[in-house]
Structure formats: C-alpha cells, structure tokens
Amino acid sequence: AWILGITELSDLEYLSRERAHQ
C-alpha cells in the first residue's frame, strides 16, 4: 500500500504482526 506495489499484502501482514506484538 505504500512504496512499490509489493505492499498491498505486506501492509496487512505488517499491521497484523504489529497487532500480534501487542
């Protein structure tokens, strides 16, 4: 969702990981 185009899914994965961290 941010830089190249690889982040459409990476975005969700990243947010999911951040949530899981908490």
C-alpha atoms as a PDB file:
ATOM      1  CA  ALA A   1       0.000   0.000   0.000  1.00  0.00           C
ATOM      2  CA  TRP A   2       2.927   2.362   0.304  1.00  0.00           C
ATOM      3  CA  ILE A   3       6.026   2.289  -1.845  1.00  0.00           C
ATOM      4  CA  LEU A   4       6.468  -0.169  -4.698  1.00  0.00           C
ATOM      5  CA  GLY A   5       3.496  -2.445  -5.207  1.00  0.00           C
ATOM      6  CA  ILE A   6       4.560  -5.393  -3.147  1.00  0.00           C
ATOM      7  CA  THR A   7       2.970  -3.849  -0.124  1.00  0.00           C
ATOM      8  CA  GLU A   8      -0.697  -4.433  -0.895  1.00  0.00           C
ATOM      9  CA  LEU A   9      -0.489  -7.635   1.120  1.00  0.00           C
ATOM     10  CA  SER A  10       2.625  -6.783   3.080  1.00  0.00           C
ATOM     11  CA  ASP A  11       0.688  -3.891   4.560  1.00  0.00           C
ATOM     12  CA  LEU A  12      -1.910  -6.196   6.048  1.00  0.00           C
ATOM     13  CA  GLU A  13       0.761  -8.636   7.166  1.00  0.00           C
ATOM     14  CA  TYR A  14       2.732  -5.861   8.820  1.00  0.00           C
ATOM     15  CA  LEU A  15      -0.313  -4.483  10.610  1.00  0.00           C
ATOM     16  CA  SER A  16      -1.304  -7.981  11.696  1.00  0.00           C
ATOM     17  CA  ARG A  17       2.171  -8.544  13.103  1.00  0.00           C
ATOM     18  CA  GLU A  18       2.128  -5.190  14.896  1.00  0.00           C
ATOM     19  CA  ARG A  19      -1.221  -6.086  16.440  1.00  0.00           C
ATOM     20  CA  ALA A  20       0.056  -9.516  17.388  1.00  0.00           C
ATOM     21  CA  HIS A  21       3.052  -7.894  19.064  1.00  0.00           C
ATOM     22  CA  GLN A  22       0.698  -6.071  21.378  1.00  0.00           C
END
